[in-house]
Amino acid sequence: TSDLPVMGKAAQLLDDFEIPFEINALSAHRTPSQVE
């Protein structure tokens, strides 16, 4: 979630374009089975 300041810009643009999106935190190293 420390990436949110950067990725919030992506979320805002998708919202402005009225494109349905989801936003989640997953880690390739800490939650590898959930990522897969």
All heavy atoms as atom14 arrays in JSON, in Angstrom:
{
  "sequence": "TSDLPVMGKAAQLLDDFEIPFEINALSAHRTPSQVE",
  "atom14_mask": [
    [1, 1, 1, 1, 1, 1, 1, 0, 0, 0, 0, 0, 0, 0],
    [1, 1, 1, 1, 1, 1, 0, 0, 0, 0, 0, 0, 0, 0],
    [1, 1, 1, 1, 1, 1, 1, 1, 0, 0, 0, 0, 0, 0],
    [1, 1, 1, 1, 1, 1, 1, 1, 0, 0, 0, 0, 0, 0],
    [1, 1, 1, 1, 1, 1, 1, 0, 0, 0, 0, 0, 0, 0],
    [1, 1, 1, 1, 1, 1, 1, 0, 0, 0, 0, 0, 0, 0],
    [1, 1, 1, 1, 1, 1, 1, 1, 0, 0, 0, 0, 0, 0],
    [1, 1, 1, 1, 0, 0, 0, 0, 0, 0, 0, 0, 0, 0],
    [1, 1, 1, 1, 1, 1, 1, 1, 1, 0, 0, 0, 0, 0],
    [1, 1, 1, 1, 1, 0, 0, 0, 0, 0, 0, 0, 0, 0],
    [1, 1, 1, 1, 1, 0, 0, 0, 0, 0, 0, 0, 0, 0],
    [1, 1, 1, 1, 1, 1, 1, 1, 1, 0, 0, 0, 0, 0],
    [1, 1, 1, 1, 1, 1, 1, 1, 0, 0, 0, 0, 0, 0],
    [1, 1, 1, 1, 1, 1, 1, 1, 0, 0, 0, 0, 0, 0],
    [1, 1, 1, 1, 1, 1, 1, 1, 0, 0, 0, 0, 0, 0],
    [1, 1, 1, 1, 1, 1, 1, 1, 0, 0, 0, 0, 0, 0],
    [1, 1, 1, 1, 1, 1, 1, 1, 1, 1, 1, 0, 0, 0],
    [1, 1, 1, 1, 1, 1, 1, 1, 1, 0, 0, 0, 0, 0],
    [1, 1, 1, 1, 1, 1, 1, 1, 0, 0, 0, 0, 0, 0],
    [1, 1, 1, 1, 1, 1, 1, 0, 0, 0, 0, 0, 0, 0],
    [1, 1, 1, 1, 1, 1, 1, 1, 1, 1, 1, 0, 0, 0],
    [1, 1, 1, 1, 1, 1, 1, 1, 1, 0, 0, 0, 0, 0],
    [1, 1, 1, 1, 1, 1, 1, 1, 0, 0, 0, 0, 0, 0],
    [1, 1, 1, 1, 1, 1, 1, 1, 0, 0, 0, 0, 0, 0],
    [1, 1, 1, 1, 1, 0, 0, 0, 0, 0, 0, 0, 0, 0],
    [1, 1, 1, 1, 1, 1, 1, 1, 0, 0, 0, 0, 0, 0],
    [1, 1, 1, 1, 1, 1, 0, 0, 0, 0, 0, 0, 0, 0],
    [1, 1, 1, 1, 1, 0, 0, 0, 0, 0, 0, 0, 0, 0],
    [1, 1, 1, 1, 1, 1, 1, 1, 1, 1, 0, 0, 0, 0],
    [1, 1, 1, 1, 1, 1, 1, 1, 1, 1, 1, 0, 0, 0],
    [1, 1, 1, 1, 1, 1, 1, 0, 0, 0, 0, 0, 0, 0],
    [1, 1, 1, 1, 1, 1, 1, 0, 0, 0, 0, 0, 0, 0],
    [1, 1, 1, 1, 1, 1, 0, 0, 0, 0, 0, 0, 0, 0],
    [1, 1, 1, 1, 1, 1, 1, 1, 1, 0, 0, 0, 0, 0],
    [1, 1, 1, 1, 1, 1, 1, 0, 0, 0, 0, 0, 0, 0],
    [1, 1, 1, 1, 1, 1, 1, 1, 1, 0, 0, 0, 0, 0]
  ],
  "atom14_positions": [
    [[0.82, -1.21, 0.0], [0.0, 0.0, 0.0], [0.86, 1.26, 0.0], [0.35, 2.35, -0.27], [-0.97, 0.03, 1.2], [-0.23, -0.13, 2.41], [-2.01, -1.07, 1.08], [0.0, 0.0, 0.0], [0.0, 0.0, 0.0], [0.0, 0.0, 0.0], [0.0, 0.0, 0.0], [0.0, 0.0, 0.0], [0.0, 0.0, 0.0], [0.0, 0.0, 0.0]],
    [[2.15, 1.14, 0.23], [3.02, 2.31, 0.13], [3.12, 2.79, -1.33], [3.58, 3.9, -1.58], [4.43, 2.0, 0.67], [5.06, 1.02, -0.12], [0.0, 0.0, 0.0], [0.0, 0.0, 0.0], [0.0, 0.0, 0.0], [0.0, 0.0, 0.0], [0.0, 0.0, 0.0], [0.0, 0.0, 0.0], [0.0, 0.0, 0.0], [0.0, 0.0, 0.0]],
    [[2.66, 1.96, -2.27], [2.64, 2.33, -3.69], [1.41, 3.17, -4.06], [1.3, 3.63, -5.2], [2.67, 1.08, -4.58], [3.88, 0.2, -4.32], [4.89, 0.72, -3.83], [3.8, -1.01, -4.61], [0.0, 0.0, 0.0], [0.0, 0.0, 0.0], [0.0, 0.0, 0.0], [0.0, 0.0, 0.0], [0.0, 0.0, 0.0], [0.0, 0.0, 0.0]],
    [[0.5, 3.36, -3.13], [-0.77, 4.05, -3.42], [-0.6, 5.48, -3.93], [-1.35, 5.9, -4.82], [-1.7, 4.0, -2.22], [-3.12, 4.47, -2.47], [-3.79, 3.71, -3.61], [-3.95, 4.35, -1.2], [0.0, 0.0, 0.0], [0.0, 0.0, 0.0], [0.0, 0.0, 0.0], [0.0, 0.0, 0.0], [0.0, 0.0, 0.0], [0.0, 0.0, 0.0]],
    [[0.36, 6.27, -3.44], [0.5, 7.62, -4.0], [0.74, 7.61, -5.52], [0.25, 8.48, -6.23], [1.7, 8.2, -3.25], [1.68, 7.5, -1.94], [1.23, 6.09, -2.27], [0.0, 0.0, 0.0], [0.0, 0.0, 0.0], [0.0, 0.0, 0.0], [0.0, 0.0, 0.0], [0.0, 0.0, 0.0], [0.0, 0.0, 0.0], [0.0, 0.0, 0.0]],
    [[1.45, 6.61, -6.02], [1.69, 6.49, -7.46], [0.47, 5.88, -8.14], [-0.01, 6.36, -9.17], [2.95, 5.65, -7.74], [3.08, 5.32, -9.22], [4.2, 6.37, -7.24], [0.0, 0.0, 0.0], [0.0, 0.0, 0.0], [0.0, 0.0, 0.0], [0.0, 0.0, 0.0], [0.0, 0.0, 0.0], [0.0, 0.0, 0.0], [0.0, 0.0, 0.0]],
    [[-0.05, 4.81, -7.58], [-1.13, 4.07, -8.23], [-2.49, 4.75, -8.07], [-3.42, 4.45, -8.81], [-1.16, 2.63, -7.73], [0.14, 1.89, -8.05], [0.76, 2.15, -9.74], [-0.54, 1.39, -10.68], [0.0, 0.0, 0.0], [0.0, 0.0, 0.0], [0.0, 0.0, 0.0], [0.0, 0.0, 0.0], [0.0, 0.0, 0.0], [0.0, 0.0, 0.0]],
    [[-2.59, 5.66, -7.13], [-3.81, 6.44, -7.01], [-4.09, 7.27, -8.26], [-5.24, 7.51, -8.62], [0.0, 0.0, 0.0], [0.0, 0.0, 0.0], [0.0, 0.0, 0.0], [0.0, 0.0, 0.0], [0.0, 0.0, 0.0], [0.0, 0.0, 0.0], [0.0, 0.0, 0.0], [0.0, 0.0, 0.0], [0.0, 0.0, 0.0], [0.0, 0.0, 0.0]],
    [[-3.03, 7.67, -8.94], [-3.19, 8.42, -10.2], [-3.81, 7.52, -11.28], [-4.64, 7.97, -12.07], [-1.84, 8.96, -10.67], [-1.27, 10.01, -9.73], [0.13, 10.42, -10.12], [0.69, 11.38, -9.08], [2.08, 11.69, -9.33], [0.0, 0.0, 0.0], [0.0, 0.0, 0.0], [0.0, 0.0, 0.0], [0.0, 0.0, 0.0], [0.0, 0.0, 0.0]],
    [[-3.42, 6.25, -11.28], [-4.01, 5.29, -12.23], [-5.49, 5.09, -11.89], [-6.34, 5.1, -12.77], [-3.26, 3.96, -12.18], [0.0, 0.0, 0.0], [0.0, 0.0, 0.0], [0.0, 0.0, 0.0], [0.0, 0.0, 0.0], [0.0, 0.0, 0.0], [0.0, 0.0, 0.0], [0.0, 0.0, 0.0], [0.0, 0.0, 0.0], [0.0, 0.0, 0.0]],
    [[-5.76, 4.92, -10.61], [-7.15, 4.72, -10.17], [-8.02, 5.92, -10.54], [-9.14, 5.76, -11.03], [-7.19, 4.46, -8.67], [0.0, 0.0, 0.0], [0.0, 0.0, 0.0], [0.0, 0.0, 0.0], [0.0, 0.0, 0.0], [0.0, 0.0, 0.0], [0.0, 0.0, 0.0], [0.0, 0.0, 0.0], [0.0, 0.0, 0.0], [0.0, 0.0, 0.0]],
    [[-7.5, 7.12, -10.34], [-8.27, 8.32, -10.64], [-8.57, 8.43, -12.13], [-9.68, 8.79, -12.53], [-7.55, 9.58, -10.15], [-8.37, 10.85, -10.31], [-9.67, 10.8, -9.53], [-9.67, 10.65, -8.31], [-10.81, 10.9, -10.22], [0.0, 0.0, 0.0], [0.0, 0.0, 0.0], [0.0, 0.0, 0.0], [0.0, 0.0, 0.0], [0.0, 0.0, 0.0]],
    [[-7.59, 8.12, -12.98], [-7.81, 8.19, -14.42], [-8.87, 7.18, -14.86], [-9.77, 7.52, -15.63], [-6.52, 7.98, -15.2], [-6.72, 8.19, -16.7], [-6.64, 9.66, -17.05], [-5.72, 7.4, -17.5], [0.0, 0.0, 0.0], [0.0, 0.0, 0.0], [0.0, 0.0, 0.0], [0.0, 0.0, 0.0], [0.0, 0.0, 0.0], [0.0, 0.0, 0.0]],
    [[-8.78, 5.95, -14.36], [-9.79, 4.94, -14.71], [-11.17, 5.39, -14.23], [-12.16, 5.23, -14.94], [-9.42, 3.59, -14.11], [-8.16, 2.93, -14.68], [-7.8, 1.7, -13.88], [-8.34, 2.6, -16.16], [0.0, 0.0, 0.0], [0.0, 0.0, 0.0], [0.0, 0.0, 0.0], [0.0, 0.0, 0.0], [0.0, 0.0, 0.0], [0.0, 0.0, 0.0]],
    [[-11.22, 5.99, -13.05], [-12.48, 6.5, -12.53], [-13.02, 7.62, -13.42], [-14.21, 7.67, -13.74], [-12.26, 7.01, -11.09], [-13.52, 7.0, -10.27], [-14.16, 5.93, -10.16], [-13.87, 8.06, -9.72], [0.0, 0.0, 0.0], [0.0, 0.0, 0.0], [0.0, 0.0, 0.0], [0.0, 0.0, 0.0], [0.0, 0.0, 0.0], [0.0, 0.0, 0.0]],
    [[-12.14, 8.52, -13.85], [-12.54, 9.62, -14.73], [-13.1, 9.1, -16.06], [-14.01, 9.69, -16.63], [-11.36, 10.56, -15.02], [-10.92, 11.34, -13.8], [-11.67, 11.39, -12.79], [-9.8, 11.9, -13.84], [0.0, 0.0, 0.0], [0.0, 0.0, 0.0], [0.0, 0.0, 0.0], [0.0, 0.0, 0.0], [0.0, 0.0, 0.0], [0.0, 0.0, 0.0]],
    [[-12.55, 7.98, -16.55], [-13.01, 7.37, -17.79], [-14.21, 6.45, -17.58], [-14.71, 5.86, -18.54], [-11.88, 6.6, -18.47], [-11.03, 7.43, -19.38], [-9.98, 8.19, -18.89], [-11.29, 7.48, -20.74], [-9.2, 8.96, -19.73], [-10.52, 8.26, -21.59], [-9.46, 9.0, -21.09], [0.0, 0.0, 0.0], [0.0, 0.0, 0.0], [0.0, 0.0, 0.0]],
    [[-14.66, 6.34, -16.33], [-15.8, 5.49, -15.96], [-15.56, 4.02, -16.33], [-16.44, 3.33, -16.81], [-17.1, 6.02, -16.57], [-17.42, 7.42, -16.1], [-18.67, 8.01, -16.74], [-19.09, 7.53, -17.82], [-19.22, 8.94, -16.14], [0.0, 0.0, 0.0], [0.0, 0.0, 0.0], [0.0, 0.0, 0.0], [0.0, 0.0, 0.0], [0.0, 0.0, 0.0]],
    [[-14.34, 3.57, -16.09], [-13.95, 2.18, -16.34], [-13.93, 1.45, -15.01], [-13.18, 1.84, -14.1], [-12.56, 2.12, -17.03], [-12.67, 2.73, -18.43], [-12.05, 0.68, -17.08], [-11.36, 2.91, -19.14], [0.0, 0.0, 0.0], [0.0, 0.0, 0.0], [0.0, 0.0, 0.0], [0.0, 0.0, 0.0], [0.0, 0.0, 0.0], [0.0, 0.0, 0.0]],
    [[-14.74, 0.42, -14.86], [-14.77, -0.32, -13.58], [-13.42, -1.0, -13.31], [-12.86, -1.66, -14.19], [-15.86, -1.37, -13.79], [-16.66, -0.9, -14.95], [-15.73, -0.1, -15.81], [0.0, 0.0, 0.0], [0.0, 0.0, 0.0], [0.0, 0.0, 0.0], [0.0, 0.0, 0.0], [0.0, 0.0, 0.0], [0.0, 0.0, 0.0], [0.0, 0.0, 0.0]],
    [[-12.91, -0.8, -12.11], [-11.61, -1.37, -11.75], [-11.63, -1.8, -10.29], [-12.49, -1.4, -9.51], [-10.48, -0.36, -12.0], [-10.5, 0.82, -11.08], [-9.72, 0.84, -9.92], [-11.31, 1.93, -11.35], [-9.75, 1.94, -9.06], [-11.34, 3.02, -10.5], [-10.56, 3.03, -9.36], [0.0, 0.0, 0.0], [0.0, 0.0, 0.0], [0.0, 0.0, 0.0]],
    [[-10.65, -2.61, -9.97], [-10.41, -3.01, -8.59], [-8.98, -2.63, -8.24], [-8.15, -2.44, -9.14], [-10.63, -4.51, -8.4], [-9.67, -5.37, -9.2], [-9.95, -6.85, -9.09], [-11.06, -7.26, -8.7], [-9.02, -7.63, -9.43], [0.0, 0.0, 0.0], [0.0, 0.0, 0.0], [0.0, 0.0, 0.0], [0.0, 0.0, 0.0], [0.0, 0.0, 0.0]],
    [[-8.7, -2.5, -6.96], [-7.34, -2.16, -6.53], [-7.04, -2.97, -5.27], [-7.84, -2.97, -4.33], [-7.19, -0.63, -6.33], [-5.75, -0.24, -6.05], [-8.14, -0.1, -5.3], [-5.48, 1.25, -6.18], [0.0, 0.0, 0.0], [0.0, 0.0, 0.0], [0.0, 0.0, 0.0], [0.0, 0.0, 0.0], [0.0, 0.0, 0.0], [0.0, 0.0, 0.0]],
    [[-5.92, -3.7, -5.32], [-5.55, -4.57, -4.21], [-4.04, -4.59, -4.04], [-3.3, -4.26, -4.96], [-6.02, -6.01, -4.48], [-7.52, -6.13, -4.44], [-8.13, -5.99, -3.39], [-8.13, -6.37, -5.59], [0.0, 0.0, 0.0], [0.0, 0.0, 0.0], [0.0, 0.0, 0.0], [0.0, 0.0, 0.0], [0.0, 0.0, 0.0], [0.0, 0.0, 0.0]],
    [[-3.6, -5.04, -2.86], [-2.18, -5.26, -2.6], [-1.94, -6.77, -2.56], [-2.65, -7.5, -1.88], [-1.78, -4.62, -1.28], [0.0, 0.0, 0.0], [0.0, 0.0, 0.0], [0.0, 0.0, 0.0], [0.0, 0.0, 0.0], [0.0, 0.0, 0.0], [0.0, 0.0, 0.0], [0.0, 0.0, 0.0], [0.0, 0.0, 0.0], [0.0, 0.0, 0.0]],
    [[-0.96, -7.2, -3.33], [-0.5, -8.59, -3.33], [1.02, -8.55, -3.48], [1.54, -7.67, -4.16], [-1.08, -9.39, -4.5], [-2.57, -9.69, -4.48], [-3.01, -10.29, -5.81], [-2.9, -10.64, -3.34], [0.0, 0.0, 0.0], [0.0, 0.0, 0.0], [0.0, 0.0, 0.0], [0.0, 0.0, 0.0], [0.0, 0.0, 0.0], [0.0, 0.0, 0.0]],
    [[1.7, -9.48, -2.89], [3.15, -9.5, -2.96], [3.65, -10.81, -3.55], [3.26, -11.89, -3.08], [3.74, -9.33, -1.55], [5.13, -9.56, -1.56], [0.0, 0.0, 0.0], [0.0, 0.0, 0.0], [0.0, 0.0, 0.0], [0.0, 0.0, 0.0], [0.0, 0.0, 0.0], [0.0, 0.0, 0.0], [0.0, 0.0, 0.0], [0.0, 0.0, 0.0]],
    [[4.48, -10.7, -4.56], [5.06, -11.89, -5.19], [5.92, -12.66, -4.2], [6.07, -13.88, -4.33], [5.89, -11.49, -6.41], [0.0, 0.0, 0.0], [0.0, 0.0, 0.0], [0.0, 0.0, 0.0], [0.0, 0.0, 0.0], [0.0, 0.0, 0.0], [0.0, 0.0, 0.0], [0.0, 0.0, 0.0], [0.0, 0.0, 0.0], [0.0, 0.0, 0.0]],
    [[6.46, -11.98, -3.2], [7.35, -12.62, -2.24], [6.65, -12.99, -0.93], [6.98, -14.02, -0.33], [8.54, -11.71, -1.93], [9.35, -11.42, -3.15], [9.32, -10.19, -3.77], [10.16, -12.19, -3.9], [10.11, -10.22, -4.83], [10.63, -11.42, -4.94], [0.0, 0.0, 0.0], [0.0, 0.0, 0.0], [0.0, 0.0, 0.0], [0.0, 0.0, 0.0]],
    [[5.69, -12.2, -0.49], [5.04, -12.46, 0.8], [3.73, -13.23, 0.66], [3.3, -13.89, 1.6], [4.83, -11.15, 1.55], [6.14, -10.5, 1.97], [5.92, -9.21, 2.73], [5.42, -8.16, 1.85], [6.14, -7.16, 1.38], [7.41, -7.05, 1.7], [5.62, -6.24, 0.6], [0.0, 0.0, 0.0], [0.0, 0.0, 0.0], [0.0, 0.0, 0.0]],
    [[3.06, -13.11, -0.51], [1.8, -13.85, -0.73], [1.83, -14.52, -2.11], [0.94, -14.3, -2.93], [0.58, -12.91, -0.61], [0.69, -11.87, -1.6], [0.44, -12.31, 0.77], [0.0, 0.0, 0.0], [0.0, 0.0, 0.0], [0.0, 0.0, 0.0], [0.0, 0.0, 0.0], [0.0, 0.0, 0.0], [0.0, 0.0, 0.0], [0.0, 0.0, 0.0]],
    [[2.83, -15.34, -2.38], [2.97, -15.9, -3.73], [1.78, -16.76, -4.17], [1.4, -16.72, -5.34], [4.26, -16.71, -3.66], [4.47, -16.98, -2.21], [3.88, -15.81, -1.48], [0.0, 0.0, 0.0], [0.0, 0.0, 0.0], [0.0, 0.0, 0.0], [0.0, 0.0, 0.0], [0.0, 0.0, 0.0], [0.0, 0.0, 0.0], [0.0, 0.0, 0.0]],
    [[1.2, -17.53, -3.28], [0.07, -18.38, -3.7], [-1.15, -17.53, -4.05], [-1.87, -17.85, -5.0], [-0.26, -19.42, -2.63], [-0.6, -18.79, -1.41], [0.0, 0.0, 0.0], [0.0, 0.0, 0.0], [0.0, 0.0, 0.0], [0.0, 0.0, 0.0], [0.0, 0.0, 0.0], [0.0, 0.0, 0.0], [0.0, 0.0, 0.0], [0.0, 0.0, 0.0]],
    [[-1.36, -16.42, -3.35], [-2.49, -15.53, -3.67], [-2.26, -14.83, -5.01], [-3.21, -14.61, -5.77], [-2.71, -14.5, -2.56], [-3.31, -15.09, -1.31], [-2.24, -15.51, -0.3], [-1.1, -15.82, -0.65], [-2.62, -15.53, 0.97], [0.0, 0.0, 0.0], [0.0, 0.0, 0.0], [0.0, 0.0, 0.0], [0.0, 0.0, 0.0], [0.0, 0.0, 0.0]],
    [[-1.01, -14.48, -5.3], [-0.7, -13.85, -6.59], [-0.99, -14.83, -7.72], [-1.63, -14.48, -8.72], [0.77, -13.37, -6.65], [1.16, -12.93, -8.05], [1.0, -12.24, -5.66], [0.0, 0.0, 0.0], [0.0, 0.0, 0.0], [0.0, 0.0, 0.0], [0.0, 0.0, 0.0], [0.0, 0.0, 0.0], [0.0, 0.0, 0.0], [0.0, 0.0, 0.0]],
    [[-0.55, -16.06, -7.56], [-0.78, -17.08, -8.59], [-2.28, -17.33, -8.77], [-2.78, -17.39, -9.9], [-0.07, -18.38, -8.22], [-0.18, -19.44, -9.28], [0.59, -20.7, -8.93], [1.35, -20.71, -7.94], [0.41, -21.69, -9.65], [0.0, 0.0, 0.0], [0.0, 0.0, 0.0], [0.0, 0.0, 0.0], [0.0, 0.0, 0.0], [0.0, 0.0, 0.0]]
  ]
}
